[in-house]
Amino acid sequence: MATLVKWAPFQDLDIVERRMRRMLEDFGVAPAPLPAADMYETEKELVVELDVPGFDEKELVLELIDHTLTVRGERKLDKEEKDKNFYLQERIEKHFERRFLLPAEIDTEHIDARFKAGVLEVHVPKIEPAKPRAIEITK
C-alpha cells in the first residue's frame, strides 16, 4: 500500500538554501545571515518585526529614505573566538543590514520603533487616501 506524503515546498527550499550555503562556505564565500522578519498591515498601520537576539537597542540603527526602511545592527565582540572550531555558525555575530520597501500610503513623519526581548517592532501609521472632490467647470 502506498503512503501519501504532503509536499512542503518551503521546507524543500530551506533544504536547498542550506545546501547552497554549505557549498559556498566550502569555497570561502558565504552570504551573511539575515535576521528573520515579518511585515504585515492592520487597519491603521504597517508593522515590521525583526528578530535580533543578542543585540542591544543601542546597537540598532533605523533609517527611512524615500519609503525604504533600512535596519542595521552592529556590535563589537568582547573577545575573539580563536579557540573554537565551529561545525556550524548561523547566528548573526557582528553586523547585518535589512531593507524594506514601504508602500506610498504611510505617514513617514510618525514612525514608532519598539525593542523588547530581542524583537524590534517598527510601527508605521497609514495615511488616509485622498478622497475625490468635485470640481466645478467655469466659463
Protein backbone atom coordinates (compact mmCIF):
# COMPACT_ATOMS: atom_id res chain seq x y z
CA MET A 1 0.00 0.00 0.00
CA ALA A 2 1.36 3.43 -0.97
CA THR A 3 1.70 6.22 1.56
CA LEU A 4 0.87 9.79 0.60
CA VAL A 5 3.23 12.44 1.89
CA LYS A 6 2.20 16.08 1.76
CA TRP A 7 4.67 18.16 -0.24
CA ALA A 8 6.05 21.11 1.72
CA PRO A 9 7.71 23.39 -0.87
CA PHE A 10 9.08 25.85 1.69
CA GLN A 11 10.75 23.05 3.62
CA ASP A 12 12.33 21.86 0.38
CA LEU A 13 13.53 25.40 -0.38
CA ASP A 14 15.03 25.64 3.10
CA ILE A 15 16.98 22.43 2.49
CA VAL A 16 18.24 23.74 -0.86
CA GLU A 17 19.24 27.07 0.76
CA ARG A 18 21.19 25.29 3.50
CA ARG A 19 22.99 23.09 0.95
CA MET A 20 23.88 26.13 -1.17
CA ARG A 21 25.19 27.93 1.92
CA ARG A 22 27.39 24.93 2.80
CA MET A 23 28.72 24.76 -0.76
CA LEU A 24 29.58 28.48 -0.73
CA GLU A 25 31.23 28.13 2.69
CA ASP A 26 33.44 25.35 1.25
CA PHE A 27 34.65 27.86 -1.37
CA GLY A 28 35.20 30.52 1.28
CA VAL A 29 32.30 32.67 0.10
CA ALA A 30 29.37 32.67 2.49
CA PRO A 31 26.43 35.05 2.38
CA ALA A 32 25.84 36.89 5.62
CA PRO A 33 22.85 35.59 7.55
CA LEU A 34 19.94 37.98 7.88
CA PRO A 35 17.59 38.24 10.84
CA ALA A 36 14.12 36.81 10.30
CA ALA A 37 11.44 39.40 9.66
CA ASP A 38 7.67 39.71 9.38
CA MET A 39 5.92 42.62 7.70
CA TYR A 40 2.16 42.96 7.94
CA GLU A 41 -0.54 45.58 7.99
CA THR A 42 -3.51 46.25 10.18
CA GLU A 43 -6.36 48.63 9.52
CA LYS A 44 -4.38 51.61 10.82
CA GLU A 45 -0.70 50.77 10.42
CA LEU A 46 2.06 48.78 8.80
CA VAL A 47 4.26 46.76 11.17
CA VAL A 48 7.76 45.37 10.59
CA GLU A 49 9.01 42.87 13.19
CA LEU A 50 12.66 41.83 13.13
CA ASP A 51 14.25 39.11 15.29
CA VAL A 52 17.57 40.44 16.56
CA PRO A 53 18.52 38.27 19.55
CA GLY A 54 21.78 39.19 21.21
CA PHE A 55 21.71 42.80 20.01
CA ASP A 56 21.14 45.71 22.35
CA GLU A 57 18.88 48.60 21.48
CA LYS A 58 21.87 50.95 21.14
CA GLU A 59 23.44 48.64 18.53
CA LEU A 60 20.50 49.06 16.12
CA VAL A 61 20.08 51.91 13.63
CA LEU A 62 16.91 52.67 11.65
CA GLU A 63 16.80 54.98 8.64
CA LEU A 64 13.99 55.90 6.27
CA ILE A 65 14.86 57.25 2.84
CA ASP A 66 12.19 57.59 0.14
CA HIS A 67 9.88 54.88 1.57
CA THR A 68 12.75 52.44 2.10
CA LEU A 69 13.26 51.43 5.73
CA THR A 70 16.81 50.29 6.47
CA VAL A 71 17.62 48.46 9.70
CA ARG A 72 21.28 47.95 10.58
CA GLY A 73 22.78 46.20 13.53
CA GLU A 74 26.42 46.24 14.51
CA ARG A 75 28.02 45.09 17.72
CA LYS A 76 31.52 44.81 18.99
CA LEU A 77 32.54 41.40 20.27
CA ASP A 78 34.31 41.43 23.62
CA LYS A 79 36.63 38.59 22.73
CA GLU A 80 37.56 36.67 19.63
CA GLU A 81 36.75 33.00 19.37
CA LYS A 82 40.16 31.74 18.27
CA ASP A 83 40.00 28.60 20.43
CA LYS A 84 36.75 27.37 18.88
CA ASN A 85 36.44 25.26 15.75
CA PHE A 86 32.86 25.77 14.61
CA TYR A 87 30.93 22.94 12.96
CA LEU A 88 28.02 25.27 12.29
CA GLN A 89 27.75 29.03 12.72
CA GLU A 90 24.41 30.53 11.70
CA ARG A 91 23.91 33.22 14.33
CA ILE A 92 24.49 36.81 13.39
CA GLU A 93 27.73 37.63 15.14
CA LYS A 94 28.80 41.13 14.12
CA HIS A 95 26.57 43.06 11.73
CA PHE A 96 23.58 42.91 9.42
CA GLU A 97 21.53 45.19 7.19
CA ARG A 98 17.94 44.68 6.01
CA ARG A 99 15.90 46.92 3.74
CA PHE A 100 12.12 47.04 3.49
CA LEU A 101 10.24 48.86 0.75
CA LEU A 102 7.22 50.53 2.35
CA PRO A 103 4.05 51.48 0.45
CA ALA A 104 3.36 55.09 -0.51
CA GLU A 105 0.28 55.32 1.74
CA ILE A 106 2.23 55.67 5.01
CA ASP A 107 2.92 58.56 7.35
CA THR A 108 6.71 58.81 7.33
CA GLU A 109 6.68 61.55 10.00
CA HIS A 110 5.18 59.40 12.79
CA ILE A 111 7.13 56.14 12.78
CA ASP A 112 7.47 54.41 16.16
CA ALA A 113 10.11 51.77 16.96
CA ARG A 114 9.99 49.46 19.98
CA PHE A 115 12.51 46.91 21.19
CA LYS A 116 11.62 44.11 23.58
CA ALA A 117 13.00 40.61 24.21
CA GLY A 118 15.21 40.59 21.11
CA VAL A 119 12.43 41.69 18.75
CA LEU A 120 12.47 45.09 17.05
CA GLU A 121 8.99 46.34 16.11
CA VAL A 122 8.58 49.27 13.75
CA HIS A 123 5.06 50.73 13.59
CA VAL A 124 4.27 52.98 10.63
CA PRO A 125 0.83 54.62 10.60
CA LYS A 126 -1.15 54.72 7.39
CA ILE A 127 -2.47 57.95 5.94
CA GLU A 128 -6.00 58.26 4.70
CA PRO A 129 -6.17 58.01 0.94
CA ALA A 130 -7.18 61.19 -0.83
CA LYS A 131 -10.91 61.36 -1.45
CA PRO A 132 -12.19 62.59 -4.79
CA ARG A 133 -13.76 66.01 -4.81
CA ALA A 134 -15.97 67.61 -7.38
CA ILE A 135 -14.54 70.44 -9.43
CA GLU A 136 -16.90 72.94 -10.93
CA ILE A 137 -16.33 73.94 -14.52
CA THR A 138 -16.38 77.69 -15.08
CA LYS A 139 -16.70 79.64 -18.31
